[in-house]
């Protein structure tokens, strides 16, 4: 059996090398964020995925369509969407430490810094 037209085994190994480097980087990042269990889990999930590079490129596409992220959150992570709605109701001037137990506030404040 012959390889398909345009198939080059060296291209496959280059892509696998990028995937391997990316996966190691994601695992190292997960370790740095070990106190944030959700983020650590998310990074490890991407690292374990067979196409981690494509996962990150997909995330970029989602973020480039601002109306898409809230819709996806509503369907895929309803609890996270609820936290965002609660965050919108927090009066301005509150800090993450003043609103204890609300992970969304803590994450949002950390991102704002």
Protein backbone atom coordinates (compact mmCIF):
# COMPACT_ATOMS: atom_id res chain seq x y z
CA UNK A 1 0.00 0.00 0.00
CA UNK A 2 1.33 3.43 -0.94
CA UNK A 3 1.11 6.58 1.15
CA UNK A 4 -1.50 9.12 0.05
CA UNK A 5 -0.39 11.84 -2.33
CA UNK A 6 1.30 14.69 -0.43
CA UNK A 7 1.95 12.57 2.68
CA UNK A 8 5.33 13.18 4.27
CA UNK A 9 6.22 11.27 7.46
CA UNK A 10 8.59 14.04 8.57
CA UNK A 11 5.64 16.46 8.76
CA UNK A 12 3.85 14.10 11.11
CA UNK A 13 6.87 13.95 13.44
CA UNK A 14 7.18 17.78 13.44
CA UNK A 15 3.55 18.15 14.51
CA UNK A 16 3.99 15.48 17.20
CA UNK A 17 7.07 17.31 18.47
CA UNK A 18 5.07 20.53 18.81
CA UNK A 19 2.26 18.65 20.56
CA UNK A 20 4.73 17.06 22.99
CA UNK A 21 6.35 20.42 23.84
CA UNK A 22 2.96 22.04 24.27
CA UNK A 23 1.74 19.21 26.50
CA UNK A 24 4.82 19.50 28.73
CA UNK A 25 4.31 23.26 28.96
CA UNK A 26 0.66 22.79 29.92
CA UNK A 27 1.55 20.22 32.60
CA UNK A 28 4.18 22.59 34.03
CA UNK A 29 1.60 25.39 34.01
CA UNK A 30 -0.92 23.16 35.78
CA UNK A 31 1.61 22.57 38.54
CA UNK A 32 2.13 26.31 38.96
CA UNK A 33 -1.63 26.74 39.45
CA UNK A 34 -2.11 23.76 41.76
CA UNK A 35 -4.01 25.92 44.28
CA UNK A 36 -6.67 26.63 41.67
CA UNK A 37 -8.11 23.14 41.21
CA UNK A 38 -10.38 24.09 38.30
CA UNK A 39 -7.62 25.75 36.31
CA UNK A 40 -5.16 22.95 37.05
CA UNK A 41 -7.70 20.38 35.90
CA UNK A 42 -8.47 22.36 32.73
CA UNK A 43 -4.77 22.64 31.80
CA UNK A 44 -4.21 18.93 32.39
CA UNK A 45 -7.30 18.07 30.34
CA UNK A 46 -5.93 20.03 27.39
CA UNK A 47 -2.48 18.46 27.84
CA UNK A 48 -3.99 14.95 27.78
CA UNK A 49 -6.02 15.65 24.65
CA UNK A 50 -4.57 14.10 21.51
CA UNK A 51 -4.80 17.46 19.70
CA UNK A 52 -3.88 19.95 22.42
CA UNK A 53 -2.66 22.49 19.87
CA UNK A 54 -6.00 22.42 18.09
CA UNK A 55 -7.76 22.83 21.46
CA UNK A 56 -5.91 26.08 22.10
CA UNK A 57 -6.56 27.32 18.57
CA UNK A 58 -10.25 26.55 19.07
CA UNK A 59 -10.22 28.53 22.31
CA UNK A 60 -8.75 31.48 20.41
CA UNK A 61 -11.57 31.24 17.87
CA UNK A 62 -14.16 31.20 20.65
CA UNK A 63 -12.63 34.28 22.26
CA UNK A 64 -12.52 36.07 18.90
CA UNK A 65 -16.33 35.73 18.76
CA UNK A 66 -17.32 37.58 21.97
CA UNK A 67 -20.98 36.57 21.79
CA UNK A 68 -20.04 32.89 21.63
CA UNK A 69 -18.33 32.49 25.01
CA UNK A 70 -21.34 33.40 27.20
CA UNK A 71 -23.56 31.10 25.13
CA UNK A 72 -21.14 28.20 25.46
CA UNK A 73 -20.76 28.81 29.20
CA UNK A 74 -24.51 28.75 29.61
CA UNK A 75 -24.77 25.34 27.93
CA UNK A 76 -21.52 23.65 28.95
CA UNK A 77 -20.84 25.15 32.39
CA UNK A 78 -24.08 26.47 33.84
CA UNK A 79 -22.55 26.80 37.32
CA UNK A 80 -19.83 29.10 35.96
CA UNK A 81 -22.47 31.18 34.19
CA UNK A 82 -24.38 31.48 37.47
CA UNK A 83 -21.20 32.75 39.19
CA UNK A 84 -20.80 35.37 36.45
CA UNK A 85 -24.40 36.51 36.95
CA UNK A 86 -23.80 36.79 40.70
CA UNK A 87 -20.63 38.75 40.00
CA UNK A 88 -22.60 41.29 37.98
CA UNK A 89 -24.82 41.87 41.04
CA UNK A 90 -21.88 42.60 43.39
CA UNK A 91 -21.71 46.35 44.12
CA UNK A 92 -18.65 48.06 42.72
CA UNK A 93 -15.87 48.69 45.17
CA UNK A 94 -15.99 45.20 46.69
CA UNK A 95 -12.77 43.29 46.57
CA UNK A 96 -12.39 39.56 46.24
CA UNK A 97 -11.60 39.27 49.94
CA UNK A 98 -14.80 41.11 50.87
CA UNK A 99 -16.92 38.66 48.93
CA UNK A 100 -15.80 35.38 50.41
CA UNK A 101 -16.61 32.08 48.79
CA UNK A 102 -17.30 33.49 45.35
CA UNK A 103 -14.66 32.00 43.04
CA UNK A 104 -15.86 34.06 40.08
CA UNK A 105 -15.15 37.30 41.95
CA UNK A 106 -11.69 36.11 42.90
CA UNK A 107 -10.91 35.03 39.36
CA UNK A 108 -12.30 38.24 37.85
CA UNK A 109 -10.33 40.46 40.24
CA UNK A 110 -7.14 38.52 39.53
CA UNK A 111 -7.68 38.98 35.78
CA UNK A 112 -8.38 42.70 36.22
CA UNK A 113 -5.01 43.18 37.91
